[in-house]
Amino acid sequence: MRFPLGRKGLVAAGAAAGALAFWKVRSRRREQEDREWEAEVAGAVDEGRSAADAATTGESGSG
């Protein structure tokens, strides 16, 4: 099979495909990390609200 751009073109196409695959994997990993971070922040906000509610009603956290 002949490749129109020769051996160098084939190598460049392979490198581009590899870079694209790496970029996709990295993008998915970043999205997962972002979701985990958002969940952690939301949990901390909920904890803070619960603590504030407990403080305003006079409840003790040590039970």
N, C-alpha and C. Protein backbone atom coordinates (compact mmCIF):
# COMPACT_ATOMS: atom_id res chain seq x y z
N MET A 1 0.85 -1.18 0.00
CA MET A 1 0.00 0.00 0.00
C MET A 1 0.89 1.25 0.00
N ARG A 2 0.62 2.14 -0.89
CA ARG A 2 1.41 3.37 -0.96
C ARG A 2 0.72 4.45 -0.15
N PHE A 3 1.53 5.15 0.58
CA PHE A 3 1.03 6.27 1.38
C PHE A 3 1.42 7.54 0.65
N PRO A 4 0.49 8.45 0.41
CA PRO A 4 0.78 9.61 -0.45
C PRO A 4 1.94 10.49 0.02
N LEU A 5 2.20 10.56 1.29
CA LEU A 5 3.24 11.45 1.78
C LEU A 5 4.53 10.71 2.15
N GLY A 6 4.59 9.45 1.86
CA GLY A 6 5.80 8.69 2.12
C GLY A 6 5.93 8.27 3.58
N ARG A 7 7.10 7.79 3.91
CA ARG A 7 7.35 7.26 5.25
C ARG A 7 7.22 8.35 6.33
N LYS A 8 7.74 9.53 6.05
CA LYS A 8 7.67 10.62 7.02
C LYS A 8 6.22 11.02 7.28
N GLY A 9 5.41 11.02 6.24
CA GLY A 9 3.99 11.34 6.41
C GLY A 9 3.28 10.29 7.24
N LEU A 10 3.65 9.04 7.01
CA LEU A 10 3.05 7.95 7.79
C LEU A 10 3.42 8.07 9.26
N VAL A 11 4.68 8.38 9.54
CA VAL A 11 5.13 8.58 10.92
C VAL A 11 4.41 9.77 11.55
N ALA A 12 4.27 10.84 10.81
CA ALA A 12 3.58 12.03 11.33
C ALA A 12 2.11 11.72 11.61
N ALA A 13 1.47 10.96 10.74
CA ALA A 13 0.06 10.59 10.95
C ALA A 13 -0.07 9.71 12.20
N GLY A 14 0.87 8.80 12.38
CA GLY A 14 0.85 7.95 13.57
C GLY A 14 1.06 8.75 14.85
N ALA A 15 1.95 9.71 14.78
CA ALA A 15 2.20 10.57 15.94
C ALA A 15 0.97 11.41 16.26
N ALA A 16 0.31 11.90 15.23
CA ALA A 16 -0.90 12.70 15.43
C ALA A 16 -2.01 11.85 16.06
N ALA A 17 -2.15 10.62 15.60
CA ALA A 17 -3.16 9.73 16.16
C ALA A 17 -2.85 9.42 17.62
N GLY A 18 -1.60 9.21 17.93
CA GLY A 18 -1.20 8.95 19.31
C GLY A 18 -1.44 10.15 20.20
N ALA A 19 -1.15 11.33 19.68
CA ALA A 19 -1.38 12.56 20.46
C ALA A 19 -2.87 12.76 20.71
N LEU A 20 -3.69 12.47 19.71
CA LEU A 20 -5.14 12.61 19.87
C LEU A 20 -5.66 11.63 20.92
N ALA A 21 -5.18 10.40 20.90
CA ALA A 21 -5.61 9.42 21.90
C ALA A 21 -5.19 9.86 23.30
N PHE A 22 -3.96 10.35 23.43
CA PHE A 22 -3.49 10.84 24.72
C PHE A 22 -4.35 11.99 25.21
N TRP A 23 -4.69 12.92 24.32
CA TRP A 23 -5.50 14.08 24.68
C TRP A 23 -6.88 13.65 25.17
N LYS A 24 -7.48 12.67 24.50
CA LYS A 24 -8.81 12.19 24.91
C LYS A 24 -8.76 11.56 26.30
N VAL A 25 -7.76 10.73 26.54
CA VAL A 25 -7.63 10.09 27.85
C VAL A 25 -7.42 11.14 28.93
N ARG A 26 -6.56 12.10 28.65
CA ARG A 26 -6.28 13.16 29.62
C ARG A 26 -7.53 14.00 29.90
N SER A 27 -8.30 14.28 28.86
CA SER A 27 -9.53 15.06 29.01
C SER A 27 -10.53 14.32 29.90
N ARG A 28 -10.69 13.03 29.67
CA ARG A 28 -11.62 12.25 30.50
C ARG A 28 -11.16 12.21 31.95
N ARG A 29 -9.87 12.08 32.15
CA ARG A 29 -9.33 12.05 33.51
C ARG A 29 -9.58 13.38 34.22
N ARG A 30 -9.38 14.49 33.49
CA ARG A 30 -9.65 15.81 34.08
C ARG A 30 -11.11 15.98 34.44
N GLU A 31 -12.00 15.51 33.57
CA GLU A 31 -13.44 15.59 33.86
C GLU A 31 -13.79 14.81 35.11
N GLN A 32 -13.21 13.62 35.25
CA GLN A 32 -13.46 12.80 36.45
C GLN A 32 -12.95 13.51 37.70
N GLU A 33 -11.75 14.09 37.62
CA GLU A 33 -11.20 14.82 38.76
C GLU A 33 -12.06 16.02 39.11
N ASP A 34 -12.59 16.70 38.09
CA ASP A 34 -13.47 17.85 38.33
C ASP A 34 -14.75 17.42 39.04
N ARG A 35 -15.34 16.29 38.61
CA ARG A 35 -16.55 15.79 39.26
C ARG A 35 -16.28 15.43 40.72
N GLU A 36 -15.15 14.78 40.97
CA GLU A 36 -14.79 14.42 42.35
C GLU A 36 -14.60 15.68 43.21
N TRP A 37 -13.94 16.69 42.64
CA TRP A 37 -13.71 17.94 43.36
C TRP A 37 -15.03 18.63 43.68
N GLU A 38 -15.93 18.68 42.71
CA GLU A 38 -17.23 19.31 42.93
C GLU A 38 -18.02 18.58 44.02
N ALA A 39 -17.96 17.25 44.03
CA ALA A 39 -18.66 16.48 45.06
C ALA A 39 -18.05 16.75 46.43
N GLU A 40 -16.73 16.86 46.49
CA GLU A 40 -16.06 17.14 47.76
C GLU A 40 -16.44 18.53 48.28
N VAL A 41 -16.49 19.50 47.39
CA VAL A 41 -16.86 20.86 47.79
C VAL A 41 -18.31 20.90 48.25
N ALA A 42 -19.19 20.22 47.53
CA ALA A 42 -20.60 20.19 47.91
C ALA A 42 -20.76 19.53 49.29
N GLY A 43 -20.02 18.48 49.56
CA GLY A 43 -20.06 17.83 50.86
C GLY A 43 -19.58 18.75 51.97
N ALA A 44 -18.53 19.51 51.70
CA ALA A 44 -18.02 20.44 52.69
C ALA A 44 -19.03 21.56 52.96
N VAL A 45 -19.69 22.03 51.91
CA VAL A 45 -20.71 23.07 52.09
C VAL A 45 -21.86 22.53 52.94
N ASP A 46 -22.28 21.30 52.65
CA ASP A 46 -23.35 20.69 53.44
C ASP A 46 -22.95 20.54 54.90
N GLU A 47 -21.71 20.13 55.12
CA GLU A 47 -21.21 20.01 56.50
C GLU A 47 -21.22 21.35 57.20
N GLY A 48 -20.80 22.38 56.50
CA GLY A 48 -20.77 23.72 57.07
C GLY A 48 -22.17 24.21 57.41
N ARG A 49 -23.12 23.95 56.53
CA ARG A 49 -24.50 24.35 56.80
C ARG A 49 -25.06 23.60 58.00
N SER A 50 -24.76 22.31 58.08
CA SER A 50 -25.23 21.52 59.22
C SER A 50 -24.63 22.05 60.53
N ALA A 51 -23.34 22.37 60.48
CA ALA A 51 -22.68 22.89 61.68
C ALA A 51 -23.26 24.24 62.06
N ALA A 52 -23.55 25.08 61.08
CA ALA A 52 -24.14 26.38 61.37
C ALA A 52 -25.53 26.23 61.95
N ASP A 53 -26.33 25.32 61.40
CA ASP A 53 -27.66 25.08 61.95
C ASP A 53 -27.59 24.57 63.37
N ALA A 54 -26.65 23.66 63.62
CA ALA A 54 -26.50 23.12 64.97
C ALA A 54 -26.05 24.20 65.94
N ALA A 55 -25.19 25.09 65.49
CA ALA A 55 -24.69 26.16 66.35
C ALA A 55 -25.80 27.15 66.67
N THR A 56 -26.65 27.44 65.72
CA THR A 56 -27.72 28.41 65.95
C THR A 56 -28.85 27.85 66.80
N THR A 57 -29.03 26.52 66.76
CA THR A 57 -30.09 25.92 67.58
C THR A 57 -29.58 25.52 68.96
N GLY A 58 -28.26 25.61 69.17
CA GLY A 58 -27.69 25.31 70.46
C GLY A 58 -27.36 23.84 70.66
N GLU A 59 -27.38 23.04 69.60
CA GLU A 59 -27.05 21.63 69.72
C GLU A 59 -25.54 21.48 69.85
N SER A 60 -25.14 20.42 70.50
CA SER A 60 -23.73 20.15 70.66
C SER A 60 -23.33 19.03 69.71
N GLY A 61 -22.17 19.14 69.09
CA GLY A 61 -21.70 18.13 68.16
C GLY A 61 -21.17 16.90 68.86
N SER A 62 -20.79 16.99 70.14
CA SER A 62 -20.20 15.85 70.83
C SER A 62 -21.27 14.94 71.42
N GLY A 63 -22.50 15.35 71.38
CA GLY A 63 -23.66 14.55 71.73
C GLY A 63 -23.73 14.11 73.10
